Amino acid sequence: MRINLWSSPRNISTALMYSLAQRPDTTVVDEPLYAYYLANTPSEAQHPGVPEIMASQSADGEAVVQNLILGGSYPTAHVFFKQMTHHLLQLDRGFLHQTQNVLLIRDPRAILASYTKVVQHPTPYDIGIPQQDELYDYLKAHHRLAAIVDARHLLQNPVGVLRQLCTQLSLPFDEKMLHWEAGPRPEDGSWARYWYHNVHRSTGFQPYVAKEIVLSLALEAVAAACRPAYERLLADELCVG
């Protein structure tokens, strides 16, 4: 089984990837469409480490789909691809019919508070929430949406949400998914040193702590533009613990 996790950035997607990596029946792959996205996206948001990313991956999105996501030789029965929804761009969505697909969502204000510590001046499309909304419609229409997971609910109840996620994917729950060793993993993308500091210090899902979020007026406008899509997906969340 090939599983795509379609996430926005700064959304504990790396922690969830590390969680799945603990399963002996699952291989994980970190953002295989990142170079394709960078090669085809003009944006005010400047990503760190672009030369390294472009050198580490193919920027041919269709080749990545055929050779890595659908093809490729893996040592396990299942392969989990951590994906950013905005990396899809104009790729033919047909390959999604051959994969299980999970949407990982998070409150846009929380995303922006974290994202702008690394990348400045993001638009709604840079954090991928409008694209998640569109992808939700596509996956629902074609019966290819396995689950929706909200980051806050996952942190509040890792065992319950992971159990439900495994059920939705027809996988047995494995207690090993709750813990991992601190530090980098071999599956990390070349961008890990810019983005993964917190997860590298972790050994499991960190308890949810409500934080006061202060955004600029410009970022509040971005969050407001994203909120209707986020709330729409949250209302159809399939894994609530």
C-alpha atoms as a PDB file:
ATOM      1  CA  MET A   1       0.000   0.000   0.000  1.00  0.00           C
ATOM      2  CA  ARG A   2       1.204   3.510  -0.857  1.00  0.00           C
ATOM      3  CA  ILE A   3       0.000   6.208   1.547  1.00  0.00           C
ATOM      4  CA  ASN A   4       0.169   9.958   0.875  1.00  0.00           C
ATOM      5  CA  LEU A   5      -0.079  12.322   3.827  1.00  0.00           C
ATOM      6  CA  TRP A   6      -1.194  15.674   2.375  1.00  0.00           C
ATOM      7  CA  SER A   7      -0.245  18.340   4.887  1.00  0.00           C
ATOM      8  CA  SER A   8       0.327  22.040   5.222  1.00  0.00           C
ATOM      9  CA  PRO A   9       3.790  23.100   6.449  1.00  0.00           C
ATOM     10  CA  ARG A  10       4.530  23.452  10.186  1.00  0.00           C
ATOM     11  CA  ASN A  11       1.923  20.856  11.012  1.00  0.00           C
ATOM     12  CA  ILE A  12       3.664  18.011  12.936  1.00  0.00           C
ATOM     13  CA  SER A  13       3.819  16.114   9.639  1.00  0.00           C
ATOM     14  CA  THR A  14       7.457  15.190  10.331  1.00  0.00           C
ATOM     15  CA  ALA A  15       6.504  13.778  13.744  1.00  0.00           C
ATOM     16  CA  LEU A  16       3.804  11.706  12.054  1.00  0.00           C
ATOM     17  CA  MET A  17       6.364  10.534   9.485  1.00  0.00           C
ATOM     18  CA  TYR A  18       8.712   9.504  12.319  1.00  0.00           C
ATOM     19  CA  SER A  19       5.798   7.698  13.952  1.00  0.00           C
ATOM     20  CA  LEU A  20       5.071   5.640  10.828  1.00  0.00           C
ATOM     21  CA  ALA A  21       8.796   4.962  10.405  1.00  0.00           C
ATOM     22  CA  GLN A  22       8.719   2.906  13.621  1.00  0.00           C
ATOM     23  CA  ARG A  23       6.488   0.319  11.967  1.00  0.00           C
ATOM     24  CA  PRO A  24       8.491  -2.661  10.672  1.00  0.00           C
ATOM     25  CA  ASP A  25       6.061  -2.960   7.742  1.00  0.00           C
ATOM     26  CA  THR A  26       6.393   0.649   6.552  1.00  0.00           C
ATOM     27  CA  THR A  27       9.020   2.705   4.721  1.00  0.00           C
ATOM     28  CA  VAL A  28       8.738   6.517   4.854  1.00  0.00           C
ATOM     29  CA  VAL A  29       9.714   9.093   2.206  1.00  0.00           C
ATOM     30  CA  ASP A  30      10.103  12.805   2.975  1.00  0.00           C
ATOM     31  CA  GLU A  31       8.431  15.314   0.594  1.00  0.00           C
ATOM     32  CA  PRO A  32       9.406  13.794  -2.765  1.00  0.00           C
ATOM     33  CA  LEU A  33       7.777  16.642  -4.761  1.00  0.00           C
ATOM     34  CA  TYR A  34       9.617  19.532  -3.075  1.00  0.00           C
ATOM     35  CA  ALA A  35      12.091  20.122  -5.932  1.00  0.00           C
ATOM     36  CA  TYR A  36       9.260  19.948  -8.471  1.00  0.00           C
ATOM     37  CA  TYR A  37       7.388  22.591  -6.485  1.00  0.00           C
ATOM     38  CA  LEU A  38      10.385  24.912  -6.217  1.00  0.00           C
ATOM     39  CA  ALA A  39      11.170  24.590  -9.926  1.00  0.00           C
ATOM     40  CA  ASN A  40       7.635  25.566 -10.932  1.00  0.00           C
ATOM     41  CA  THR A  41       6.502  28.139  -8.370  1.00  0.00           C
ATOM     42  CA  PRO A  42       7.207  31.859  -8.413  1.00  0.00           C
ATOM     43  CA  SER A  43       6.652  33.094  -4.863  1.00  0.00           C
ATOM     44  CA  GLU A  44       7.579  35.917  -2.530  1.00  0.00           C
ATOM     45  CA  ALA A  45       8.315  33.247   0.075  1.00  0.00           C
ATOM     46  CA  GLN A  46      12.021  32.413  -0.093  1.00  0.00           C
ATOM     47  CA  HIS A  47      12.785  28.847   0.975  1.00  0.00           C
ATOM     48  CA  PRO A  48      16.126  28.089   2.636  1.00  0.00           C
ATOM     49  CA  GLY A  49      18.447  25.471   1.181  1.00  0.00           C
ATOM     50  CA  VAL A  50      17.091  25.567  -2.371  1.00  0.00           C
ATOM     51  CA  PRO A  51      20.355  24.497  -4.107  1.00  0.00           C
ATOM     52  CA  GLU A  52      20.618  21.459  -1.804  1.00  0.00           C
ATOM     53  CA  ILE A  53      17.008  20.491  -2.420  1.00  0.00           C
ATOM     54  CA  MET A  54      17.334  20.784  -6.181  1.00  0.00           C
ATOM     55  CA  ALA A  55      20.488  18.649  -6.105  1.00  0.00           C
ATOM     56  CA  SER A  56      18.890  15.963  -3.943  1.00  0.00           C
ATOM     57  CA  GLN A  57      15.657  15.349  -5.882  1.00  0.00           C
ATOM     58  CA  SER A  58      14.254  15.178  -9.381  1.00  0.00           C
ATOM     59  CA  ALA A  59      12.310  18.303 -10.347  1.00  0.00           C
ATOM     60  CA  ASP A  60      10.286  16.270 -12.868  1.00  0.00           C
ATOM     61  CA  GLY A  61       7.014  15.776 -11.009  1.00  0.00           C
ATOM     62  CA  GLU A  62       5.608  13.129 -13.345  1.00  0.00           C
ATOM     63  CA  ALA A  63       8.822  11.109 -13.086  1.00  0.00           C
ATOM     64  CA  VAL A  64       8.662  11.305  -9.275  1.00  0.00           C
ATOM     65  CA  VAL A  65       5.085  10.025  -9.351  1.00  0.00           C
ATOM     66  CA  GLN A  66       5.841   7.121 -11.671  1.00  0.00           C
ATOM     67  CA  ASN A  67       9.275   6.130 -10.375  1.00  0.00           C
ATOM     68  CA  LEU A  68       8.998   6.845  -6.659  1.00  0.00           C
ATOM     69  CA  ILE A  69       5.389   7.171  -5.506  1.00  0.00           C
ATOM     70  CA  LEU A  70       3.801   4.475  -7.680  1.00  0.00           C
ATOM     71  CA  GLY A  71       6.984   2.640  -8.641  1.00  0.00           C
ATOM     72  CA  GLY A  72      10.237   2.099  -6.834  1.00  0.00           C
ATOM     73  CA  SER A  73      11.548  -0.905  -4.953  1.00  0.00           C
ATOM     74  CA  TYR A  74      10.945  -0.771  -1.196  1.00  0.00           C
ATOM     75  CA  PRO A  75      11.812  -3.333   1.490  1.00  0.00           C
ATOM     76  CA  THR A  76       8.391  -3.159   3.171  1.00  0.00           C
ATOM     77  CA  ALA A  77       4.781  -3.877   2.283  1.00  0.00           C
ATOM     78  CA  HIS A  78       3.717  -0.259   2.832  1.00  0.00           C
ATOM     79  CA  VAL A  79       5.269   3.101   1.886  1.00  0.00           C
ATOM     80  CA  PHE A  80       4.287   6.374   3.562  1.00  0.00           C
ATOM     81  CA  PHE A  81       4.957   9.607   1.654  1.00  0.00           C
ATOM     82  CA  LYS A  82       4.956  12.802   3.676  1.00  0.00           C
ATOM     83  CA  GLN A  83       3.686  15.384   1.180  1.00  0.00           C
ATOM     84  CA  MET A  84       2.927  19.094   1.216  1.00  0.00           C
ATOM     85  CA  THR A  85      -0.384  19.726  -0.529  1.00  0.00           C
ATOM     86  CA  HIS A  86       0.941  22.818  -2.298  1.00  0.00           C
ATOM     87  CA  HIS A  87       3.652  20.684  -3.918  1.00  0.00           C
ATOM     88  CA  LEU A  88       1.045  19.028  -6.165  1.00  0.00           C
ATOM     89  CA  LEU A  89       0.691  22.080  -8.416  1.00  0.00           C
ATOM     90  CA  GLN A  90      -0.704  20.970 -11.803  1.00  0.00           C
ATOM     91  CA  LEU A  91       0.249  17.304 -11.653  1.00  0.00           C
ATOM     92  CA  ASP A  92      -2.308  14.886 -13.066  1.00  0.00           C
ATOM     93  CA  ARG A  93      -4.304  13.725 -10.024  1.00  0.00           C
ATOM     94  CA  GLY A  94      -4.856  10.288 -11.533  1.00  0.00           C
ATOM     95  CA  PHE A  95      -2.126   8.686  -9.422  1.00  0.00           C
ATOM     96  CA  LEU A  96      -4.145   9.448  -6.282  1.00  0.00           C
ATOM     97  CA  HIS A  97      -6.576   6.720  -7.332  1.00  0.00           C
ATOM     98  CA  GLN A  98      -3.798   4.189  -6.710  1.00  0.00           C
ATOM     99  CA  THR A  99      -2.892   5.431  -3.227  1.00  0.00           C
ATOM    100  CA  GLN A 100      -4.450   5.896   0.163  1.00  0.00           C
ATOM    101  CA  ASN A 101      -4.690   9.607   0.994  1.00  0.00           C
ATOM    102  CA  VAL A 102      -4.776  11.347   4.364  1.00  0.00           C
ATOM    103  CA  LEU A 103      -5.231  15.074   4.973  1.00  0.00           C
ATOM    104  CA  LEU A 104      -3.365  16.562   7.955  1.00  0.00           C
ATOM    105  CA  ILE A 105      -4.839  19.935   8.926  1.00  0.00           C
ATOM    106  CA  ARG A 106      -4.027  22.652  11.462  1.00  0.00           C
ATOM    107  CA  ASP A 107      -5.408  26.028  12.503  1.00  0.00           C
ATOM    108  CA  PRO A 108      -3.947  28.535   9.994  1.00  0.00           C
ATOM    109  CA  ARG A 109      -2.960  31.029  12.700  1.00  0.00           C
ATOM    110  CA  ALA A 110      -0.826  28.369  14.370  1.00  0.00           C
ATOM    111  CA  ILE A 111       0.731  27.430  11.028  1.00  0.00           C
ATOM    112  CA  LEU A 112       1.643  31.025  10.247  1.00  0.00           C
ATOM    113  CA  ALA A 113       3.097  31.711  13.683  1.00  0.00           C
ATOM    114  CA  SER A 114       5.555  28.861  13.120  1.00  0.00           C
ATOM    115  CA  TYR A 115       6.102  29.102   9.352  1.00  0.00           C
ATOM    116  CA  THR A 116       7.156  32.749   9.385  1.00  0.00           C
ATOM    117  CA  LYS A 117      10.052  31.972  11.711  1.00  0.00           C
ATOM    118  CA  VAL A 118      11.729  30.453   8.648  1.00  0.00           C
ATOM    119  CA  VAL A 119       9.935  31.828   5.551  1.00  0.00           C
ATOM    120  CA  GLN A 120       8.717  35.412   5.342  1.00  0.00           C
ATOM    121  CA  HIS A 121       5.682  36.926   3.549  1.00  0.00           C
ATOM    122  CA  PRO A 122       3.671  33.760   2.843  1.00  0.00           C
ATOM    123  CA  THR A 123       0.393  33.779   0.930  1.00  0.00           C
ATOM    124  CA  PRO A 124      -2.477  31.324   1.564  1.00  0.00           C
ATOM    125  CA  TYR A 125      -1.122  29.263  -1.330  1.00  0.00           C
ATOM    126  CA  ASP A 126       2.351  29.079   0.226  1.00  0.00           C
ATOM    127  CA  ILE A 127       0.886  27.259   3.226  1.00  0.00           C
ATOM    128  CA  GLY A 128      -1.327  25.122   1.028  1.00  0.00           C
ATOM    129  CA  ILE A 129      -4.704  25.484   2.698  1.00  0.00           C
ATOM    130  CA  PRO A 130      -6.684  26.506  -0.417  1.00  0.00           C
ATOM    131  CA  GLN A 131      -5.070  23.543  -2.167  1.00  0.00           C
ATOM    132  CA  GLN A 132      -6.108  21.251   0.697  1.00  0.00           C
ATOM    133  CA  ASP A 133      -9.675  22.457   0.219  1.00  0.00           C
ATOM    134  CA  GLU A 134      -9.551  21.642  -3.509  1.00  0.00           C
ATOM    135  CA  LEU A 135      -7.858  18.296  -2.896  1.00  0.00           C
ATOM    136  CA  TYR A 136     -10.504  17.409  -0.313  1.00  0.00           C
ATOM    137  CA  ASP A 137     -13.224  17.857  -2.937  1.00  0.00           C
ATOM    138  CA  TYR A 138     -11.313  15.738  -5.449  1.00  0.00           C
ATOM    139  CA  LEU A 139     -10.579  12.906  -3.033  1.00  0.00           C
ATOM    140  CA  LYS A 140     -14.135  12.840  -1.697  1.00  0.00           C
ATOM    141  CA  ALA A 141     -15.610  12.793  -5.202  1.00  0.00           C
ATOM    142  CA  HIS A 142     -13.413   9.834  -6.186  1.00  0.00           C
ATOM    143  CA  HIS A 143     -13.685   7.999  -2.852  1.00  0.00           C
ATOM    144  CA  ARG A 144      -9.928   8.194  -2.237  1.00  0.00           C
ATOM    145  CA  LEU A 145      -9.889  10.040   1.106  1.00  0.00           C
ATOM    146  CA  ALA A 146      -8.923   7.625   3.869  1.00  0.00           C
ATOM    147  CA  ALA A 147      -8.832  10.097   6.762  1.00  0.00           C
ATOM    148  CA  ILE A 148      -8.605  13.691   7.957  1.00  0.00           C
ATOM    149  CA  VAL A 149      -6.438  14.324  11.023  1.00  0.00           C
ATOM    150  CA  ASP A 150      -6.240  17.609  12.918  1.00  0.00           C
ATOM    151  CA  ALA A 151      -2.852  18.325  14.508  1.00  0.00           C
ATOM    152  CA  ARG A 152      -4.323  19.538  17.803  1.00  0.00           C
ATOM    153  CA  HIS A 153      -6.414  16.412  18.257  1.00  0.00           C
ATOM    154  CA  LEU A 154      -3.435  14.195  17.445  1.00  0.00           C
ATOM    155  CA  LEU A 155      -1.323  15.897  20.118  1.00  0.00           C
ATOM    156  CA  GLN A 156      -4.155  15.757  22.640  1.00  0.00           C
ATOM    157  CA  ASN A 157      -4.747  12.034  22.136  1.00  0.00           C
ATOM    158  CA  PRO A 158      -1.975  10.319  20.145  1.00  0.00           C
ATOM    159  CA  VAL A 159      -3.059   6.785  20.994  1.00  0.00           C
ATOM    160  CA  GLY A 160      -6.710   7.338  20.104  1.00  0.00           C
ATOM    161  CA  VAL A 161      -6.067   9.221  16.881  1.00  0.00           C
ATOM    162  CA  LEU A 162      -3.344   6.845  15.689  1.00  0.00           C
ATOM    163  CA  ARG A 163      -5.584   3.868  16.392  1.00  0.00           C
ATOM    164  CA  GLN A 164      -8.350   5.411  14.303  1.00  0.00           C
ATOM    165  CA  LEU A 165      -5.917   6.354  11.544  1.00  0.00           C
ATOM    166  CA  CYS A 166      -4.643   2.772  11.385  1.00  0.00           C
ATOM    167  CA  THR A 167      -8.225   1.529  11.240  1.00  0.00           C
ATOM    168  CA  GLN A 168      -9.002   3.877   8.352  1.00  0.00           C
ATOM    169  CA  LEU A 169      -5.915   2.587   6.525  1.00  0.00           C
ATOM    170  CA  SER A 170      -6.662  -1.072   7.357  1.00  0.00           C
ATOM    171  CA  LEU A 171      -3.399  -1.347   9.289  1.00  0.00           C
ATOM    172  CA  PRO A 172      -2.945  -2.946  12.700  1.00  0.00           C
ATOM    173  CA  PHE A 173      -2.085  -0.392  15.363  1.00  0.00           C
ATOM    174  CA  ASP A 174       1.493  -0.686  16.610  1.00  0.00           C
ATOM    175  CA  GLU A 175       2.538   0.766  19.986  1.00  0.00           C
ATOM    176  CA  LYS A 176       5.962   1.481  18.463  1.00  0.00           C
ATOM    177  CA  MET A 177       4.351   4.408  16.613  1.00  0.00           C
ATOM    178  CA  LEU A 178       4.195   6.407  19.849  1.00  0.00           C
ATOM    179  CA  HIS A 179       7.965   6.795  20.366  1.00  0.00           C
ATOM    180  CA  TRP A 180      11.191   7.277  18.423  1.00  0.00           C
ATOM    181  CA  GLU A 181      14.804   8.104  19.177  1.00  0.00           C
ATOM    182  CA  ALA A 182      15.807  11.766  19.341  1.00  0.00           C
ATOM    183  CA  GLY A 183      17.885  13.177  16.512  1.00  0.00           C
ATOM    184  CA  PRO A 184      17.833  13.169  12.716  1.00  0.00           C
ATOM    185  CA  ARG A 185      16.613  10.204  10.705  1.00  0.00           C
ATOM    186  CA  PRO A 186      18.110   8.865   7.477  1.00  0.00           C
ATOM    187  CA  GLU A 187      14.825   9.616   5.675  1.00  0.00           C
ATOM    188  CA  ASP A 188      15.055  13.347   6.435  1.00  0.00           C
ATOM    189  CA  GLY A 189      15.128  15.618   3.412  1.00  0.00           C
ATOM    190  CA  SER A 190      18.090  17.936   2.873  1.00  0.00           C
ATOM    191  CA  TRP A 191      15.970  20.774   4.298  1.00  0.00           C
ATOM    192  CA  ALA A 192      15.804  19.161   7.752  1.00  0.00           C
ATOM    193  CA  ARG A 193      18.458  21.420   9.257  1.00  0.00           C
ATOM    194  CA  TYR A 194      16.287  24.458   8.570  1.00  0.00           C
ATOM    195  CA  TRP A 195      12.946  23.050   9.712  1.00  0.00           C
ATOM    196  CA  TYR A 196      13.268  19.994  11.982  1.00  0.00           C
ATOM    197  CA  HIS A 197      14.958  21.347  15.121  1.00  0.00           C
ATOM    198  CA  ASN A 198      12.009  20.666  17.413  1.00  0.00           C
ATOM    199  CA  VAL A 199      11.169  17.203  16.144  1.00  0.00           C
ATOM    200  CA  HIS A 200      14.838  16.192  16.370  1.00  0.00           C
ATOM    201  CA  ARG A 201      14.686  16.979  20.090  1.00  0.00           C
ATOM    202  CA  SER A 202      11.544  14.887  20.544  1.00  0.00           C
ATOM    203  CA  THR A 203      11.066  11.213  21.347  1.00  0.00           C
ATOM    204  CA  GLY A 204       7.315  11.167  20.726  1.00  0.00           C
ATOM    205  CA  PHE A 205       4.331  13.420  20.151  1.00  0.00           C
ATOM    206  CA  GLN A 206       4.645  16.468  22.397  1.00  0.00           C
ATOM    207  CA  PRO A 207       1.640  17.222  24.643  1.00  0.00           C
ATOM    208  CA  TYR A 208      -0.612  19.907  23.237  1.00  0.00           C
ATOM    209  CA  VAL A 209      -0.150  23.282  24.918  1.00  0.00           C
ATOM    210  CA  ALA A 210      -2.393  26.197  23.973  1.00  0.00           C
ATOM    211  CA  LYS A 211      -0.240  29.208  23.156  1.00  0.00           C
ATOM    212  CA  GLU A 212      -1.032  32.858  22.686  1.00  0.00           C
ATOM    213  CA  ILE A 213      -0.497  33.690  19.015  1.00  0.00           C
ATOM    214  CA  VAL A 214       0.286  37.236  17.903  1.00  0.00           C
ATOM    215  CA  LEU A 215       0.377  37.899  14.161  1.00  0.00           C
ATOM    216  CA  SER A 216       0.889  41.031  12.107  1.00  0.00           C
ATOM    217  CA  LEU A 217      -2.121  42.511  10.357  1.00  0.00           C
ATOM    218  CA  ALA A 218      -0.867  41.094   7.072  1.00  0.00           C
ATOM    219  CA  LEU A 219      -0.598  37.584   8.506  1.00  0.00           C
ATOM    220  CA  GLU A 220      -3.993  37.871  10.189  1.00  0.00           C
ATOM    221  CA  ALA A 221      -5.408  38.589   6.743  1.00  0.00           C
ATOM    222  CA  VAL A 222      -3.751  35.442   5.379  1.00  0.00           C
ATOM    223  CA  ALA A 223      -5.147  33.411   8.279  1.00  0.00           C
ATOM    224  CA  ALA A 224      -8.633  34.835   7.772  1.00  0.00           C
ATOM    225  CA  ALA A 225      -8.519  33.911   4.085  1.00  0.00           C
ATOM    226  CA  CYS A 226      -7.612  30.330   5.018  1.00  0.00           C
ATOM    227  CA  ARG A 227     -10.024  29.833   7.908  1.00  0.00           C
ATOM    228  CA  PRO A 228     -13.186  28.862   5.967  1.00  0.00           C
ATOM    229  CA  ALA A 229     -11.320  26.040   4.215  1.00  0.00           C
ATOM    230  CA  TYR A 230      -9.760  24.839   7.457  1.00  0.00           C
ATOM    231  CA  GLU A 231     -13.091  24.816   9.287  1.00  0.00           C
ATOM    232  CA  ARG A 232     -14.752  22.988   6.406  1.00  0.00           C
ATOM    233  CA  LEU A 233     -12.202  20.192   6.583  1.00  0.00           C
ATOM    234  CA  LEU A 234     -12.262  20.130  10.368  1.00  0.00           C
ATOM    235  CA  ALA A 235     -16.016  19.535  10.261  1.00  0.00           C
ATOM    236  CA  ASP A 236     -15.360  16.311   8.310  1.00  0.00           C
ATOM    237  CA  GLU A 237     -12.458  15.111  10.413  1.00  0.00           C
ATOM    238  CA  LEU A 238     -12.336  11.324  10.368  1.00  0.00           C
ATOM    239  CA  CYS A 239      -9.859  10.664  13.206  1.00  0.00           C
ATOM    240  CA  VAL A 240     -10.811  12.467  16.408  1.00  0.00           C
ATOM    241  CA  GLY A 241      -9.522   9.993  18.968  1.00  0.00           C
END
